[in-house]
C-alpha atoms as a PDB file:
ATOM      1  CA  UNK A   1       0.361  12.367 -27.990  1.00  0.00           C
ATOM      2  CA  UNK A   2       0.408   8.985 -26.378  1.00  0.00           C
ATOM      3  CA  UNK A   3      -1.278   8.507 -23.423  1.00  0.00           C
ATOM      4  CA  UNK A   4      -0.022   5.336 -20.585  1.00  0.00           C
ATOM      5  CA  UNK A   5      -3.674   4.062 -19.884  1.00  0.00           C
ATOM      6  CA  UNK A   6      -1.645   2.170 -17.002  1.00  0.00           C
ATOM      7  CA  UNK A   7      -0.726   5.447 -15.518  1.00  0.00           C
ATOM      8  CA  UNK A   8      -3.785   6.728 -16.109  1.00  0.00           C
ATOM      9  CA  UNK A   9      -5.503   4.364 -14.310  1.00  0.00           C
ATOM     10  CA  UNK A  10      -2.697   4.569 -11.002  1.00  0.00           C
ATOM     11  CA  UNK A  11      -3.931   8.085 -11.337  1.00  0.00           C
ATOM     12  CA  UNK A  12      -7.098   7.515 -10.766  1.00  0.00           C
ATOM     13  CA  UNK A  13      -6.611   4.877  -7.916  1.00  0.00           C
ATOM     14  CA  UNK A  14      -4.563   7.891  -6.239  1.00  0.00           C
ATOM     15  CA  UNK A  15      -7.620  10.498  -6.932  1.00  0.00           C
ATOM     16  CA  UNK A  16     -10.205   8.269  -5.600  1.00  0.00           C
ATOM     17  CA  UNK A  17      -8.319   7.368  -2.669  1.00  0.00           C
ATOM     18  CA  UNK A  18      -8.433  11.057  -2.498  1.00  0.00           C
ATOM     19  CA  UNK A  19     -11.780  11.554  -2.350  1.00  0.00           C
ATOM     20  CA  UNK A  20     -12.659   8.453   0.101  1.00  0.00           C
ATOM     21  CA  UNK A  21      -9.981   9.404   2.333  1.00  0.00           C
ATOM     22  CA  UNK A  22     -13.349  11.159   4.571  1.00  0.00           C
ATOM     23  CA  UNK A  23     -15.074   8.067   3.657  1.00  0.00           C
ATOM     24  CA  UNK A  24     -17.471   9.222   1.394  1.00  0.00           C
ATOM     25  CA  UNK A  25     -17.448   9.727  -2.503  1.00  0.00           C
ATOM     26  CA  UNK A  26     -19.784  12.739  -3.270  1.00  0.00           C
ATOM     27  CA  UNK A  27     -21.022  13.356  -6.455  1.00  0.00           C
ATOM     28  CA  UNK A  28     -18.583  16.281  -6.880  1.00  0.00           C
ATOM     29  CA  UNK A  29     -15.865  14.620  -6.724  1.00  0.00           C
ATOM     30  CA  UNK A  30     -16.586  11.643  -8.914  1.00  0.00           C
ATOM     31  CA  UNK A  31     -17.295  14.155 -11.965  1.00  0.00           C
ATOM     32  CA  UNK A  32     -14.037  16.233 -11.176  1.00  0.00           C
ATOM     33  CA  UNK A  33     -12.270  12.827 -11.237  1.00  0.00           C
ATOM     34  CA  UNK A  34     -13.589  11.796 -14.322  1.00  0.00           C
ATOM     35  CA  UNK A  35     -12.871  15.819 -15.768  1.00  0.00           C
ATOM     36  CA  UNK A  36      -9.612  15.437 -14.308  1.00  0.00           C
ATOM     37  CA  UNK A  37      -8.503  12.291 -15.888  1.00  0.00           C
ATOM     38  CA  UNK A  38     -10.321  12.900 -19.511  1.00  0.00           C
ATOM     39  CA  UNK A  39      -8.762  15.943 -19.846  1.00  0.00           C
ATOM     40  CA  UNK A  40      -5.228  14.206 -19.354  1.00  0.00           C
ATOM     41  CA  UNK A  41      -6.213  11.764 -21.668  1.00  0.00           C
ATOM     42  CA  UNK A  42      -7.231  14.281 -24.168  1.00  0.00           C
ATOM     43  CA  UNK A  43     -10.946  11.988 -24.966  1.00  0.00           C
ATOM     44  CA  UNK A  44     -13.090  10.255 -23.752  1.00  0.00           C
ATOM     45  CA  UNK A  45     -12.697   8.008 -20.641  1.00  0.00           C
ATOM     46  CA  UNK A  46     -11.935   4.445 -21.812  1.00  0.00           C
ATOM     47  CA  UNK A  47     -14.464   2.291 -20.647  1.00  0.00           C
ATOM     48  CA  UNK A  48     -11.876   0.111 -18.132  1.00  0.00           C
ATOM     49  CA  UNK A  49     -11.217   3.379 -16.346  1.00  0.00           C
ATOM     50  CA  UNK A  50     -14.664   3.965 -15.803  1.00  0.00           C
ATOM     51  CA  UNK A  51     -15.391   0.416 -14.435  1.00  0.00           C
ATOM     52  CA  UNK A  52     -12.305   1.317 -12.456  1.00  0.00           C
ATOM     53  CA  UNK A  53     -13.828   4.576 -11.016  1.00  0.00           C
ATOM     54  CA  UNK A  54     -17.373   2.653 -10.279  1.00  0.00           C
ATOM     55  CA  UNK A  55     -15.488  -0.706  -8.801  1.00  0.00           C
ATOM     56  CA  UNK A  56     -13.506   1.218  -6.343  1.00  0.00           C
ATOM     57  CA  UNK A  57     -13.035   0.246  -2.947  1.00  0.00           C
ATOM     58  CA  UNK A  58     -11.021   1.777  -0.735  1.00  0.00           C
ATOM     59  CA  UNK A  59     -10.257  -0.287   1.520  1.00  0.00           C
ATOM     60  CA  UNK A  60      -8.262  -2.635  -0.645  1.00  0.00           C
ATOM     61  CA  UNK A  61      -6.350   0.647  -1.675  1.00  0.00           C
ATOM     62  CA  UNK A  62      -2.805   0.665  -1.106  1.00  0.00           C
ATOM     63  CA  UNK A  63      -1.398   4.406  -1.327  1.00  0.00           C
ATOM     64  CA  UNK A  64       2.035   3.301  -0.801  1.00  0.00           C
ATOM     65  CA  UNK A  65       2.100   0.743  -3.595  1.00  0.00           C
ATOM     66  CA  UNK A  66       0.546   2.933  -5.956  1.00  0.00           C
ATOM     67  CA  UNK A  67       2.696   6.436  -5.247  1.00  0.00           C
ATOM     68  CA  UNK A  68       5.567   4.033  -6.057  1.00  0.00           C
ATOM     69  CA  UNK A  69       4.714   4.223  -9.951  1.00  0.00           C
ATOM     70  CA  UNK A  70       5.671   8.358  -9.281  1.00  0.00           C
ATOM     71  CA  UNK A  71       8.443   8.242  -6.314  1.00  0.00           C
ATOM     72  CA  UNK A  72      11.321   8.579  -9.691  1.00  0.00           C
ATOM     73  CA  UNK A  73       9.391  11.130 -11.672  1.00  0.00           C
ATOM     74  CA  UNK A  74      10.859  15.231 -11.436  1.00  0.00           C
ATOM     75  CA  UNK A  75       9.420  17.283  -8.502  1.00  0.00           C
ATOM     76  CA  UNK A  76       6.893  19.526 -10.994  1.00  0.00           C
ATOM     77  CA  UNK A  77       5.445  16.166 -11.459  1.00  0.00           C
ATOM     78  CA  UNK A  78       4.856  15.161  -8.325  1.00  0.00           C
ATOM     79  CA  UNK A  79       3.464  18.706  -7.657  1.00  0.00           C
ATOM     80  CA  UNK A  80       1.223  18.206 -10.377  1.00  0.00           C
ATOM     81  CA  UNK A  81      -0.054  14.919  -8.655  1.00  0.00           C
ATOM     82  CA  UNK A  82      -0.779  16.779  -5.527  1.00  0.00           C
ATOM     83  CA  UNK A  83      -1.877  19.315  -7.237  1.00  0.00           C
ATOM     84  CA  UNK A  84      -4.792  16.647  -9.186  1.00  0.00           C
ATOM     85  CA  UNK A  85      -5.115  15.578  -5.731  1.00  0.00           C
ATOM     86  CA  UNK A  86      -6.082  18.930  -4.063  1.00  0.00           C
ATOM     87  CA  UNK A  87      -8.932  19.348  -6.813  1.00  0.00           C
ATOM     88  CA  UNK A  88     -10.579  16.398  -5.540  1.00  0.00           C
ATOM     89  CA  UNK A  89     -10.841  17.452  -2.144  1.00  0.00           C
ATOM     90  CA  UNK A  90     -12.128  21.055  -3.398  1.00  0.00           C
ATOM     91  CA  UNK A  91     -14.604  19.200  -5.262  1.00  0.00           C
ATOM     92  CA  UNK A  92     -16.794  19.106  -2.724  1.00  0.00           C
ATOM     93  CA  UNK A  93     -16.730  22.456  -1.257  1.00  0.00           C
ATOM     94  CA  UNK A  94     -15.655  21.169   2.705  1.00  0.00           C
ATOM     95  CA  UNK A  95     -12.877  21.592   4.259  1.00  0.00           C
ATOM     96  CA  UNK A  96     -11.300  17.795   5.405  1.00  0.00           C
ATOM     97  CA  UNK A  97      -8.816  16.663   7.651  1.00  0.00           C
ATOM     98  CA  UNK A  98      -8.889  13.048   6.553  1.00  0.00           C
ATOM     99  CA  UNK A  99      -8.495  14.793   3.109  1.00  0.00           C
ATOM    100  CA  UNK A 100      -5.529  16.860   3.858  1.00  0.00           C
ATOM    101  CA  UNK A 101      -3.473  14.067   6.143  1.00  0.00           C
ATOM    102  CA  UNK A 102      -4.327  11.599   2.976  1.00  0.00           C
ATOM    103  CA  UNK A 103      -2.753  14.539   0.288  1.00  0.00           C
ATOM    104  CA  UNK A 104       0.295  14.553   3.242  1.00  0.00           C
ATOM    105  CA  UNK A 105       0.761  10.957   3.171  1.00  0.00           C
ATOM    106  CA  UNK A 106       0.856  10.715  -0.502  1.00  0.00           C
ATOM    107  CA  UNK A 107       3.703  13.513  -0.732  1.00  0.00           C
ATOM    108  CA  UNK A 108       5.470  11.413   2.039  1.00  0.00           C
ATOM    109  CA  UNK A 109       5.107   8.279  -0.190  1.00  0.00           C
ATOM    110  CA  UNK A 110       6.682  10.342  -2.593  1.00  0.00           C
ATOM    111  CA  UNK A 111       9.507  11.647  -0.604  1.00  0.00           C
ATOM    112  CA  UNK A 112       8.421  15.178  -1.306  1.00  0.00           C
ATOM    113  CA  UNK A 113       9.670  17.789   1.618  1.00  0.00           C
ATOM    114  CA  UNK A 114       6.775  19.645   3.107  1.00  0.00           C
ATOM    115  CA  UNK A 115       7.789  23.140   1.625  1.00  0.00           C
ATOM    116  CA  UNK A 116       6.903  21.474  -1.930  1.00  0.00           C
ATOM    117  CA  UNK A 117       3.522  20.903  -0.829  1.00  0.00           C
ATOM    118  CA  UNK A 118       2.688  23.258   2.224  1.00  0.00           C
ATOM    119  CA  UNK A 119       0.259  25.428   0.061  1.00  0.00           C
ATOM    120  CA  UNK A 120      -1.906  22.625  -0.972  1.00  0.00           C
ATOM    121  CA  UNK A 121      -2.331  21.514   2.168  1.00  0.00           C
ATOM    122  CA  UNK A 122      -4.552  22.978   5.397  1.00  0.00           C
ATOM    123  CA  UNK A 123      -2.651  24.805   8.180  1.00  0.00           C
ATOM    124  CA  UNK A 124      -3.839  23.507  11.483  1.00  0.00           C
ATOM    125  CA  UNK A 125      -2.067  25.687  14.534  1.00  0.00           C
ATOM    126  CA  UNK A 126      -1.473  24.685  18.226  1.00  0.00           C
ATOM    127  CA  UNK A 127      -2.961  27.556  20.729  1.00  0.00           C
ATOM    128  CA  UNK A 128       0.230  28.788  21.370  1.00  0.00           C
ATOM    129  CA  UNK A 129       0.698  29.362  17.504  1.00  0.00           C
ATOM    130  CA  UNK A 130      -3.152  31.396  17.891  1.00  0.00           C
ATOM    131  CA  UNK A 131      -1.822  33.383  20.478  1.00  0.00           C
ATOM    132  CA  UNK A 132       1.552  34.209  19.791  1.00  0.00           C
ATOM    133  CA  UNK A 133      -0.467  35.378  15.988  1.00  0.00           C
ATOM    134  CA  UNK A 134      -3.091  37.733  18.252  1.00  0.00           C
ATOM    135  CA  UNK A 135      -0.391  38.962  20.335  1.00  0.00           C
ATOM    136  CA  UNK A 136       1.759  40.266  16.932  1.00  0.00           C
ATOM    137  CA  UNK A 137      -2.173  41.830  16.105  1.00  0.00           C
ATOM    138  CA  UNK A 138      -2.873  43.220  19.622  1.00  0.00           C
ATOM    139  CA  UNK A 139       0.823  44.660  20.535  1.00  0.00           C
ATOM    140  CA  UNK A 140       1.246  48.579  19.054  1.00  0.00           C
ATOM    141  CA  UNK A 141       5.565  48.247  17.534  1.00  0.00           C
ATOM    142  CA  UNK A 142       7.632  51.434  18.342  1.00  0.00           C
END
């Protein structure tokens, strides 16, 4: 199977953007990104992709522009891309709202409905939601 290296490079940028969403690239995140890309390519990373990872500049990264390369993909492919992003977020074993916001922005840029990815994101509950859930636990049902 021929792999589109240019598409892999865009995926690399999207994954690096995910890792830097919290202003920090951990070693675990970088290792995870490299492993994901190598698996997608079914080979070792080419030197150009490794260099791209090393020289990534989060301040210059344009999420919307990168997402355009996938805007016409079928919903399942978009979902798979978000699953890769979620994998990067999980790599450092920390829940981070900035990383979650990045994934939501990417999903929006891909034209995805929240229902297509909500299981991958952090659910932030309001005080009223928490109160309602607590009341459901303590109120007896007849």
